[in-house]
Amino acid sequence: MIALKDLLYKVTINVVAGGTNLNVNAVAFDSRQVKTNDLFVAINGLLVDGHKYIDVAIENGANSIVCEVLPEKLIAGVTYVEVDNTHKALAVIASNFYNNPSENLRLVGVTGTNGKTTTASLLYQLFKNAGYKVGLLSTVKIMVDNTEYKATHTTPDSLTINSYLKMMNDEGVEFCFMEVSSHGIHQHRTEGLHFEGGIFTNITHDHLDYHKTFAEYRDVKKKFFDGLSKDAFAVVNVDDKNGLFMLQNTKAKKYTYALKQYADFKCQILENQFSGLLLKVNDSEIWTRLIGEFNAYNVLAIYATAELLGLEKVEILRLISDLKSVSGRFQYIVSNEKITAIVDYAHTPDALKNVLETINGIRTKNEALITVVGCGGDRDRTKRPEMGQIASVLSDKVIFTSDNPRSEKPADILTEIEAGVAPQNFKKTLTIEDRKQAIKTACQMAKGNDIILIAGKGHETYQEVNGERSHFDDLETVTDLLKQLEK
């Protein structure tokens, strides 16, 4: 139980109708979850406007309401607080409700189109191996030191974020690494959090179903760095043309990393094999089991962040050499027939291009590269032909298939992917709607030493069709199918 006036600390308020000395049991933004003496925050969401459910929240026991527009009829005994933006207010209230847990952590946010999950997850792994208690908020999973929780969003809602951060406080966690998505920034889910550092990986074509333009998507990412304090650090990839843009208005201490130009933290790839990378990071050589140029960037971001957080350079290099790949990120198996199957989350044009170029840079060209790929439904449609074009140019054979069609017809998605294939590449492509059958066909087509890339779903263990999720795991599926073909 906490006083309403304490929950409203640092919230920008327009009008208060009623007293703020009353006590609140809990905070909710879903009227169905409201109980006696709770505070209800009316969120104007993409699908539902919470203002329509203020009366329901009061009927369920709410004693206070935070909203952007006061109801015409005010109920006696209920306090109403009008603010300009309830998303922003909820984030600050959530921090206050859980006693501002981010202030008791060394919290680092990772944002960018590609590499967020890998960078955050490997930082968690590195600091755990260094002997610290560590937290992780990622697309793949949430970790409160050694306890794992299921992740539902890249950046959860602000109440969920702060509840996990409070659990980390209770467990004595010192460092926390968090993926910060453009949706999360735009919806102010990270408002009120105290970040010690921010990492920018890169920015490419994605989420234009939500942000509408690339400029808006980029500008939203920048807001994260604009909000960092002068005591924080911002470390950005300046090989990306938007890297320096992210630093323009930040108060944080500025650091850069790059493979292709001068930077505070620089890296050179000495060897790139399926077994790993030999890198020269600043003046030191290091071997890592991670693969490809995109992972060289991730390793460099990790190295820079660990050093900025105070770890010794020699210790960082040792710890990086022990890192293991993240679930669904360039995970691979080799069958008894010497067929290599790679599963990767690549679901954007740039990520798919990076993975295919990595494979092509390592392989001898005496083997075939067979790519299985699709695009998710109810998401940015403009990237579909790009994905088709990239896959068909950089692969020997391509099978287009369903990803998570959601509410769309799989055949419609596949038609839009196929539209990107140039006439000279038509013969390379095949379309099989059923994902399991597509993977099975790739396995049947592959011969010894061939490579199969299954892209798009990575760590996901489900397929979503018309609102229903059924179990589907790419790595599990291809492993089983290759074993069956060996019998």
Protein backbone atom coordinates (compact mmCIF):
# COMPACT_ATOMS: atom_id res chain seq x y z
CA MET A 1 0.00 0.00 0.00
CA ILE A 2 1.35 3.43 -0.99
CA ALA A 3 -0.03 6.97 -0.83
CA LEU A 4 -1.35 8.34 -4.13
CA LYS A 5 0.67 11.54 -3.65
CA ASP A 6 3.87 9.44 -3.52
CA LEU A 7 2.89 7.57 -6.70
CA LEU A 8 2.42 10.89 -8.49
CA TYR A 9 5.94 12.14 -7.64
CA LYS A 10 7.56 13.55 -10.83
CA VAL A 11 4.34 13.06 -12.85
CA THR A 12 3.42 16.17 -14.86
CA ILE A 13 -0.17 16.91 -13.76
CA ASN A 14 -2.75 19.25 -15.31
CA VAL A 15 -5.70 18.85 -12.93
CA VAL A 16 -6.48 16.94 -9.73
CA ALA A 17 -10.11 16.38 -8.73
CA GLY A 18 -10.18 14.91 -5.20
CA GLY A 19 -7.56 14.24 -2.54
CA THR A 20 -4.14 12.64 -2.98
CA ASN A 21 -3.64 11.46 0.61
CA LEU A 22 -5.55 8.21 0.02
CA ASN A 23 -3.69 4.88 -0.11
CA VAL A 24 -3.42 2.72 -3.21
CA ASN A 25 -3.02 -1.08 -3.13
CA ALA A 26 -1.92 -1.63 -6.72
CA VAL A 27 -1.68 0.01 -10.14
CA ALA A 28 -3.41 -1.32 -13.27
CA PHE A 29 -4.01 -0.18 -16.87
CA ASP A 30 -6.42 -3.04 -17.65
CA SER A 31 -9.81 -2.42 -15.99
CA ARG A 32 -10.35 -6.19 -15.65
CA GLN A 33 -7.38 -6.42 -13.29
CA VAL A 34 -8.55 -3.62 -10.98
CA LYS A 35 -9.37 -4.53 -7.38
CA THR A 36 -10.43 -2.57 -4.29
CA ASN A 37 -8.46 0.66 -3.70
CA ASP A 38 -6.37 0.33 -6.86
CA LEU A 39 -5.21 3.12 -9.16
CA PHE A 40 -6.41 2.77 -12.77
CA VAL A 41 -4.41 4.43 -15.54
CA ALA A 42 -6.48 4.94 -18.69
CA ILE A 43 -4.17 4.20 -21.63
CA ASN A 44 -5.13 5.17 -25.17
CA GLY A 45 -3.69 2.12 -26.94
CA LEU A 46 -3.47 1.01 -30.57
CA LEU A 47 -6.60 -1.15 -30.31
CA VAL A 48 -8.42 -0.05 -27.15
CA ASP A 49 -8.90 3.30 -25.41
CA GLY A 50 -8.80 2.76 -21.64
CA HIS A 51 -10.86 5.93 -21.08
CA LYS A 52 -13.91 3.94 -22.17
CA TYR A 53 -13.37 1.61 -19.19
CA ILE A 54 -13.01 4.15 -16.37
CA ASP A 55 -16.51 3.34 -15.06
CA VAL A 56 -15.73 -0.39 -15.14
CA ALA A 57 -12.51 0.22 -13.18
CA ILE A 58 -14.43 2.19 -10.55
CA GLU A 59 -17.07 -0.55 -10.32
CA ASN A 60 -14.22 -3.03 -9.72
CA GLY A 61 -12.96 -0.92 -6.80
CA ALA A 62 -10.60 1.74 -8.17
CA ASN A 63 -10.27 4.69 -5.79
CA SER A 64 -8.20 6.82 -8.18
CA ILE A 65 -7.97 7.39 -11.92
CA VAL A 66 -5.20 8.83 -14.08
CA CYS A 67 -6.49 9.96 -17.48
CA GLU A 68 -5.88 12.40 -20.34
CA VAL A 69 -9.48 13.66 -20.36
CA LEU A 70 -11.61 13.93 -17.22
CA PRO A 71 -15.00 12.14 -17.46
CA GLU A 72 -18.04 14.42 -17.71
CA LYS A 73 -19.42 12.87 -14.53
CA LEU A 74 -17.05 12.53 -11.56
CA ILE A 75 -17.87 9.91 -8.93
CA ALA A 76 -17.75 11.08 -5.30
CA GLY A 77 -14.92 9.49 -3.30
CA VAL A 78 -12.78 8.83 -6.39
CA THR A 79 -9.73 10.98 -7.15
CA TYR A 80 -9.16 11.92 -10.79
CA VAL A 81 -5.77 13.06 -12.09
CA GLU A 82 -5.55 14.58 -15.57
CA VAL A 83 -2.23 14.39 -17.43
CA ASP A 84 -1.14 15.07 -21.01
CA ASN A 85 0.17 11.55 -21.64
CA THR A 86 -0.93 8.53 -19.63
CA HIS A 87 1.76 6.27 -21.18
CA LYS A 88 4.42 8.56 -19.73
CA ALA A 89 2.56 8.95 -16.42
CA LEU A 90 2.18 5.15 -16.07
CA ALA A 91 5.93 4.66 -16.48
CA VAL A 92 6.76 7.19 -13.75
CA ILE A 93 4.01 5.82 -11.47
CA ALA A 94 5.29 2.25 -12.03
CA SER A 95 8.81 3.29 -10.97
CA ASN A 96 7.43 5.02 -7.88
CA PHE A 97 5.21 2.06 -6.98
CA TYR A 98 8.18 -0.31 -6.96
CA ASN A 99 10.40 2.24 -5.15
CA ASN A 100 12.40 3.25 -8.25
CA PRO A 101 14.31 -0.04 -8.57
CA SER A 102 16.41 1.05 -11.57
CA GLU A 103 18.26 3.50 -9.32
CA ASN A 104 19.66 0.55 -7.36
CA LEU A 105 20.99 -1.19 -10.50
CA ARG A 106 23.63 -0.49 -13.10
CA LEU A 107 21.13 -0.62 -15.95
CA VAL A 108 22.26 -0.60 -19.60
CA GLY A 109 19.81 -0.37 -22.52
CA VAL A 110 20.52 -1.80 -25.97
CA THR A 111 18.65 -0.40 -28.97
CA GLY A 112 18.90 -0.84 -32.74
CA THR A 113 17.27 -2.93 -35.46
CA ASN A 114 19.56 -5.96 -35.32
CA GLY A 115 21.83 -7.27 -32.57
CA LYS A 116 19.83 -6.13 -29.52
CA THR A 117 19.12 -9.63 -28.23
CA THR A 118 22.62 -10.96 -28.89
CA THR A 119 24.35 -7.95 -27.31
CA ALA A 120 22.13 -7.85 -24.20
CA SER A 121 22.20 -11.63 -23.72
CA LEU A 122 25.97 -11.92 -24.14
CA LEU A 123 26.55 -9.04 -21.72
CA TYR A 124 24.40 -10.94 -19.20
CA GLN A 125 26.44 -14.09 -19.86
CA LEU A 126 29.77 -12.25 -19.60
CA PHE A 127 28.99 -10.53 -16.30
CA LYS A 128 27.57 -13.78 -14.85
CA ASN A 129 30.82 -15.53 -15.80
CA ALA A 130 32.70 -12.69 -14.13
CA GLY A 131 30.98 -13.60 -10.87
CA TYR A 132 28.33 -10.89 -10.60
CA LYS A 133 24.60 -11.14 -9.95
CA VAL A 134 23.01 -10.03 -13.21
CA GLY A 135 19.60 -9.34 -14.72
CA LEU A 136 18.39 -9.56 -18.33
CA LEU A 137 15.28 -8.21 -20.06
CA SER A 138 15.28 -9.57 -23.62
CA THR A 139 13.14 -10.86 -26.47
CA VAL A 140 14.23 -14.43 -25.71
CA LYS A 141 13.89 -14.48 -21.93
CA ILE A 142 13.98 -12.53 -18.68
CA MET A 143 16.58 -13.46 -16.10
CA VAL A 144 16.59 -12.39 -12.46
CA ASP A 145 20.12 -13.60 -11.70
CA ASN A 146 19.69 -17.40 -12.06
CA THR A 147 15.87 -17.50 -12.31
CA GLU A 148 14.35 -17.50 -15.80
CA TYR A 149 10.98 -16.02 -16.76
CA LYS A 150 9.21 -16.11 -20.10
CA ALA A 151 9.44 -12.99 -22.26
CA THR A 152 6.31 -11.80 -24.09
CA HIS A 153 7.55 -8.51 -25.58
CA THR A 154 10.94 -7.09 -26.55
CA THR A 155 10.28 -4.22 -24.13
CA PRO A 156 7.52 -5.15 -21.64
CA ASP A 157 5.01 -2.62 -20.26
CA SER A 158 6.39 -0.27 -17.61
CA LEU A 159 4.68 -2.04 -14.69
CA THR A 160 6.19 -5.37 -15.75
CA ILE A 161 9.64 -3.82 -16.27
CA ASN A 162 9.67 -2.28 -12.82
CA SER A 163 8.31 -5.41 -11.14
CA TYR A 164 11.24 -7.42 -12.55
CA LEU A 165 13.73 -4.69 -11.62
CA LYS A 166 12.34 -4.78 -8.06
CA MET A 167 12.83 -8.57 -8.01
CA MET A 168 16.41 -7.95 -9.12
CA ASN A 169 16.87 -5.51 -6.23
CA ASP A 170 15.54 -8.14 -3.81
CA GLU A 171 18.01 -10.71 -5.23
CA GLY A 172 20.98 -8.36 -4.89
CA VAL A 173 21.48 -8.00 -8.66
CA GLU A 174 24.10 -5.37 -9.53
CA PHE A 175 23.99 -5.18 -13.35
CA CYS A 176 21.00 -5.43 -15.70
CA PHE A 177 21.04 -5.47 -19.50
CA MET A 178 17.83 -4.58 -21.30
CA GLU A 179 16.65 -4.58 -24.90
CA VAL A 180 14.96 -1.25 -25.67
CA SER A 181 12.65 -1.47 -28.68
CA SER A 182 11.36 1.43 -30.77
CA HIS A 183 7.81 0.52 -29.67
CA GLY A 184 8.90 0.68 -26.03
CA ILE A 185 10.52 4.10 -26.50
CA HIS A 186 7.58 5.50 -28.47
CA GLN A 187 5.10 4.30 -25.84
CA HIS A 188 7.25 5.70 -23.00
CA ARG A 189 7.65 2.28 -21.35
CA THR A 190 11.21 3.16 -20.29
CA GLU A 191 10.29 6.62 -18.97
CA GLY A 192 11.44 7.13 -15.40
CA LEU A 193 14.13 4.44 -15.57
CA HIS A 194 17.68 5.35 -14.59
CA PHE A 195 20.07 4.04 -17.26
CA GLU A 196 23.80 4.01 -16.63
CA GLY A 197 24.45 3.38 -20.30
CA GLY A 198 22.96 3.01 -23.76
CA ILE A 199 24.19 1.02 -26.78
CA PHE A 200 23.21 1.66 -30.42
CA THR A 201 23.84 -1.34 -32.70
CA ASN A 202 22.47 -0.23 -36.10
CA ILE A 203 19.29 0.86 -37.79
CA THR A 204 17.78 -0.63 -40.92
CA HIS A 205 14.39 -1.19 -42.53
CA ASP A 206 11.92 -2.55 -39.95
CA HIS A 207 8.67 -1.80 -38.08
CA LEU A 208 7.40 0.59 -40.76
CA ASP A 209 3.94 -0.87 -40.17
CA TYR A 210 4.08 0.97 -36.83
CA HIS A 211 6.31 4.01 -37.43
CA LYS A 212 5.16 4.70 -41.02
CA THR A 213 8.46 6.29 -42.13
CA PHE A 214 12.11 5.42 -41.65
CA ALA A 215 12.80 8.94 -40.35
CA GLU A 216 10.20 8.50 -37.59
CA TYR A 217 11.64 5.08 -36.69
CA ARG A 218 15.16 6.56 -36.51
CA ASP A 219 14.03 9.60 -34.50
CA VAL A 220 12.28 7.40 -31.94
CA LYS A 221 15.51 5.44 -31.40
CA LYS A 222 17.33 8.74 -30.89
CA LYS A 223 14.94 9.74 -28.07
CA PHE A 224 16.44 6.99 -25.92
CA PHE A 225 19.86 8.64 -26.13
CA ASP A 226 18.37 12.13 -25.73
CA GLY A 227 17.02 10.96 -22.36
CA LEU A 228 20.31 9.66 -20.92
CA SER A 229 21.78 11.68 -18.05
CA LYS A 230 25.20 13.36 -17.97
CA ASP A 231 26.40 10.58 -15.65
CA ALA A 232 25.55 7.88 -18.21
CA PHE A 233 27.51 6.68 -21.25
CA ALA A 234 26.32 6.29 -24.84
CA VAL A 235 28.25 3.91 -27.10
CA VAL A 236 27.26 3.81 -30.77
CA ASN A 237 28.23 1.98 -33.97
CA VAL A 238 29.60 4.70 -36.27
CA ASP A 239 29.89 2.35 -39.25
CA ASP A 240 26.12 2.88 -39.33
CA LYS A 241 25.46 6.29 -40.90
CA ASN A 242 22.96 7.09 -38.11
CA GLY A 243 25.39 6.30 -35.30
CA LEU A 244 26.59 9.89 -34.79
CA PHE A 245 23.00 11.15 -35.23
CA MET A 246 22.05 9.24 -32.09
CA LEU A 247 24.63 11.25 -30.12
CA GLN A 248 23.62 14.73 -31.30
CA ASN A 249 21.58 15.82 -28.28
CA THR A 250 22.61 13.37 -25.59
CA LYS A 251 24.02 14.64 -22.28
CA ALA A 252 25.75 11.27 -21.77
CA LYS A 253 29.48 10.67 -22.23
CA LYS A 254 29.96 9.76 -25.91
CA TYR A 255 31.86 6.71 -27.21
CA THR A 256 32.06 5.11 -30.64
CA TYR A 257 32.85 1.67 -32.04
CA ALA A 258 33.51 0.52 -35.61
CA LEU A 259 35.16 -2.04 -37.88
CA LYS A 260 35.62 0.19 -40.92
CA GLN A 261 36.71 3.59 -39.61
CA TYR A 262 38.38 5.32 -36.68
CA ALA A 263 36.53 4.93 -33.38
CA ASP A 264 37.15 4.76 -29.63
CA PHE A 265 36.74 1.00 -29.83
CA LYS A 266 37.84 -0.61 -33.09
CA CYS A 267 37.99 -4.15 -34.38
CA GLN A 268 39.56 -6.06 -37.27
CA ILE A 269 38.47 -9.52 -38.44
CA LEU A 270 41.57 -11.70 -38.84
CA GLU A 271 39.77 -15.03 -39.45
CA ASN A 272 36.11 -15.85 -40.09
CA GLN A 273 35.15 -19.55 -39.99
CA PHE A 274 32.18 -21.69 -39.02
CA SER A 275 34.09 -22.49 -35.84
CA GLY A 276 34.35 -18.81 -34.88
CA LEU A 277 36.12 -15.48 -35.33
CA LEU A 278 39.67 -14.36 -34.68
CA LEU A 279 39.48 -10.64 -33.95
CA LYS A 280 41.86 -7.84 -33.15
CA VAL A 281 40.04 -5.60 -30.68
CA ASN A 282 41.95 -2.34 -30.26
CA ASP A 283 45.44 -3.81 -29.80
CA SER A 284 44.53 -7.30 -28.53
CA GLU A 285 43.75 -10.52 -30.42
CA ILE A 286 40.81 -12.62 -29.28
CA TRP A 287 39.08 -15.81 -30.46
CA THR A 288 35.31 -16.10 -30.10
CA ARG A 289 32.92 -18.91 -31.00
CA LEU A 290 30.53 -16.34 -32.49
CA ILE A 291 30.42 -16.21 -36.29
CA GLY A 292 30.28 -13.50 -38.95
CA GLU A 293 30.93 -9.78 -39.33
CA PHE A 294 27.64 -8.87 -37.61
CA ASN A 295 28.86 -10.74 -34.52
CA ALA A 296 32.18 -8.90 -34.68
CA TYR A 297 30.12 -5.73 -34.15
CA ASN A 298 28.26 -7.37 -31.27
CA VAL A 299 31.54 -8.46 -29.64
CA LEU A 300 32.95 -4.95 -30.00
CA ALA A 301 29.83 -3.42 -28.39
CA ILE A 302 30.14 -5.93 -25.53
CA TYR A 303 33.85 -5.20 -25.09
CA ALA A 304 33.24 -1.43 -25.03
CA THR A 305 30.37 -1.71 -22.55
CA ALA A 306 32.24 -4.05 -20.19
CA GLU A 307 35.21 -1.67 -20.15
CA LEU A 308 32.97 1.36 -19.54
CA LEU A 309 31.35 -0.53 -16.64
CA GLY A 310 34.78 -1.00 -15.06
CA LEU A 311 35.96 -4.52 -15.94
CA GLU A 312 39.67 -5.02 -16.61
CA LYS A 313 40.63 -5.34 -20.31
CA VAL A 314 42.43 -8.68 -19.92
CA GLU A 315 39.48 -10.09 -17.99
CA ILE A 316 37.03 -8.90 -20.66
CA LEU A 317 39.01 -10.63 -23.43
CA ARG A 318 39.11 -13.88 -21.45
CA LEU A 319 35.38 -13.73 -20.76
CA ILE A 320 34.52 -12.99 -24.41
CA SER A 321 36.40 -16.10 -25.53
CA ASP A 322 34.07 -18.19 -23.32
CA LEU A 323 30.80 -16.76 -24.65
CA LYS A 324 28.29 -19.13 -26.25
CA SER A 325 25.86 -18.19 -29.02
CA VAL A 326 22.36 -16.98 -28.14
CA SER A 327 19.31 -19.16 -28.83
CA GLY A 328 18.12 -18.78 -32.43
CA ARG A 329 21.05 -16.57 -33.44
CA PHE A 330 23.21 -18.42 -36.00
CA GLN A 331 22.65 -21.72 -34.19
CA TYR A 332 23.80 -24.63 -36.29
CA ILE A 333 23.99 -28.40 -36.34
CA VAL A 334 25.90 -30.75 -38.65
CA SER A 335 24.26 -34.03 -39.63
CA ASN A 336 26.04 -37.36 -40.09
CA GLU A 337 25.79 -36.68 -43.83
CA LYS A 338 27.79 -33.44 -43.27
CA ILE A 339 24.80 -31.23 -44.02
CA THR A 340 25.02 -27.99 -42.01
CA ALA A 341 21.67 -26.55 -40.89
CA ILE A 342 21.66 -22.99 -39.53
CA VAL A 343 18.73 -21.41 -37.69
CA ASP A 344 18.68 -17.64 -37.39
CA TYR A 345 16.15 -15.00 -36.32
CA ALA A 346 16.95 -12.87 -39.40
CA HIS A 347 13.54 -11.33 -40.14
CA THR A 348 14.60 -8.02 -41.69
CA PRO A 349 16.25 -7.47 -45.10
CA ASP A 350 19.52 -6.30 -43.51
CA ALA A 351 19.69 -9.21 -41.05
CA LEU A 352 18.98 -11.76 -43.80
CA LYS A 353 21.64 -10.15 -46.02
CA ASN A 354 24.17 -10.22 -43.15
CA VAL A 355 23.60 -13.91 -42.45
CA LEU A 356 23.71 -14.96 -46.10
CA GLU A 357 26.84 -12.89 -46.78
CA THR A 358 28.46 -14.42 -43.69
CA ILE A 359 27.74 -17.95 -44.94
CA ASN A 360 28.93 -17.08 -48.46
CA GLY A 361 32.10 -15.55 -47.04
CA ILE A 362 32.97 -18.75 -45.18
CA ARG A 363 31.87 -21.54 -47.55
CA THR A 364 33.98 -22.87 -50.41
CA LYS A 365 31.22 -22.57 -53.08
CA ASN A 366 31.57 -26.30 -53.80
CA GLU A 367 28.40 -26.83 -51.78
CA ALA A 368 24.84 -25.56 -52.25
CA LEU A 369 23.26 -22.94 -49.98
CA ILE A 370 19.53 -23.61 -49.57
CA THR A 371 17.53 -20.90 -47.79
CA VAL A 372 14.10 -21.37 -46.20
CA VAL A 373 12.49 -18.02 -45.40
CA GLY A 374 9.16 -16.25 -44.99
CA CYS A 375 7.75 -13.03 -43.54
CA GLY A 376 5.40 -12.47 -40.60
CA GLY A 377 1.81 -11.38 -41.12
CA ASP A 378 0.34 -8.10 -39.79
CA ARG A 379 3.79 -6.53 -39.96
CA ASP A 380 5.69 -4.22 -42.30
CA ARG A 381 4.69 -5.37 -45.81
CA THR A 382 7.24 -3.23 -47.66
CA LYS A 383 10.13 -5.47 -46.61
CA ARG A 384 8.62 -8.63 -48.14
CA PRO A 385 9.83 -8.17 -51.75
CA GLU A 386 13.22 -7.07 -50.38
CA MET A 387 13.51 -10.33 -48.45
CA GLY A 388 12.60 -12.28 -51.60
CA GLN A 389 15.16 -10.39 -53.66
CA ILE A 390 17.99 -10.82 -51.12
CA ALA A 391 17.32 -14.53 -50.55
CA SER A 392 17.16 -15.29 -54.28
CA VAL A 393 20.37 -13.39 -55.12
CA LEU A 394 22.52 -14.72 -52.28
CA SER A 395 21.33 -18.37 -52.22
CA ASP A 396 21.68 -21.27 -54.65
CA LYS A 397 18.12 -22.38 -53.94
CA VAL A 398 15.31 -20.70 -51.99
CA ILE A 399 12.11 -22.06 -50.49
CA PHE A 400 9.60 -19.37 -49.53
CA THR A 401 7.28 -20.47 -46.74
CA SER A 402 5.06 -19.31 -43.88
CA ASP A 403 6.56 -17.56 -40.87
CA ASN A 404 3.87 -16.38 -38.42
CA PRO A 405 1.04 -15.41 -40.79
CA ARG A 406 -1.11 -14.21 -37.87
CA SER A 407 -4.40 -12.88 -39.34
CA GLU A 408 -3.16 -12.70 -42.96
CA LYS A 409 -3.51 -15.39 -45.61
CA PRO A 410 -0.10 -17.10 -46.04
CA ALA A 411 -0.56 -17.20 -49.82
CA ASP A 412 -0.91 -13.40 -49.94
CA ILE A 413 2.31 -12.91 -47.94
CA LEU A 414 4.17 -15.36 -50.18
CA THR A 415 2.98 -13.57 -53.32
CA GLU A 416 4.43 -10.30 -51.99
CA ILE A 417 7.77 -12.00 -51.19
CA GLU A 418 7.91 -13.57 -54.66
CA ALA A 419 7.38 -10.14 -56.24
CA GLY A 420 10.96 -9.24 -55.28
CA VAL A 421 12.54 -12.09 -57.25
CA ALA A 422 14.20 -10.98 -60.51
CA PRO A 423 13.32 -13.06 -63.62
CA GLN A 424 16.82 -14.56 -63.85
CA ASN A 425 16.39 -16.00 -60.33
CA PHE A 426 12.91 -17.55 -60.75
CA LYS A 427 14.33 -21.02 -61.36
CA LYS A 428 16.15 -20.92 -58.01
CA THR A 429 12.93 -20.49 -56.04
CA LEU A 430 10.18 -22.74 -54.76
CA THR A 431 7.14 -21.86 -52.65
CA ILE A 432 5.81 -24.29 -50.03
CA GLU A 433 3.28 -22.75 -47.65
CA ASP A 434 3.61 -25.35 -44.89
CA ARG A 435 6.80 -24.53 -42.95
CA LYS A 436 7.54 -28.09 -41.84
CA GLN A 437 7.15 -29.35 -45.39
CA ALA A 438 9.40 -26.55 -46.64
CA ILE A 439 12.15 -27.53 -44.17
CA LYS A 440 11.68 -31.20 -45.07
CA THR A 441 12.06 -30.39 -48.77
CA ALA A 442 15.26 -28.44 -48.06
CA CYS A 443 16.64 -31.44 -46.17
CA GLN A 444 15.73 -33.77 -49.05
CA MET A 445 17.37 -31.44 -51.58
CA ALA A 446 20.60 -31.11 -49.56
CA LYS A 447 23.61 -33.34 -50.21
CA GLY A 448 26.79 -33.83 -48.20
CA ASN A 449 28.50 -30.53 -47.26
CA ASP A 450 25.49 -28.46 -48.37
CA ILE A 451 24.19 -25.68 -46.10
CA ILE A 452 20.57 -25.05 -45.15
CA LEU A 453 19.63 -21.66 -43.66
CA ILE A 454 16.24 -21.48 -41.94
CA ALA A 455 15.58 -17.80 -41.31
CA GLY A 456 12.98 -15.64 -39.63
CA LYS A 457 11.82 -17.36 -36.43
CA GLY A 458 15.05 -18.19 -34.62
CA HIS A 459 14.36 -18.76 -30.92
CA GLU A 460 10.56 -18.84 -31.31
CA THR A 461 8.94 -22.13 -30.37
CA TYR A 462 5.53 -21.44 -31.89
CA GLN A 463 3.76 -20.55 -35.11
CA GLU A 464 0.87 -18.09 -34.93
CA VAL A 465 -2.06 -18.54 -37.32
CA ASN A 466 -5.32 -16.60 -36.91
CA GLY A 467 -4.60 -15.73 -33.28
CA GLU A 468 -3.74 -19.30 -32.26
CA ARG A 469 -0.23 -20.44 -31.42
CA SER A 470 0.88 -24.01 -32.01
CA HIS A 471 4.26 -25.50 -31.13
CA PHE A 472 6.88 -25.06 -33.84
CA ASP A 473 10.63 -24.92 -33.31
CA ASP A 474 12.87 -24.55 -36.39
CA LEU A 475 15.96 -26.09 -34.76
CA GLU A 476 13.99 -29.00 -33.33
CA THR A 477 12.23 -29.56 -36.66
CA VAL A 478 15.35 -29.59 -38.84
CA THR A 479 17.25 -31.76 -36.33
CA ASP A 480 14.46 -34.38 -36.38
CA LEU A 481 14.08 -34.30 -40.16
CA LEU A 482 17.80 -34.72 -40.83
CA LYS A 483 17.90 -37.68 -38.42
CA GLN A 484 14.93 -39.29 -40.19
CA LEU A 485 16.66 -38.93 -43.57
CA GLU A 486 19.77 -40.66 -42.20
CA LYS A 487 17.82 -43.82 -41.32
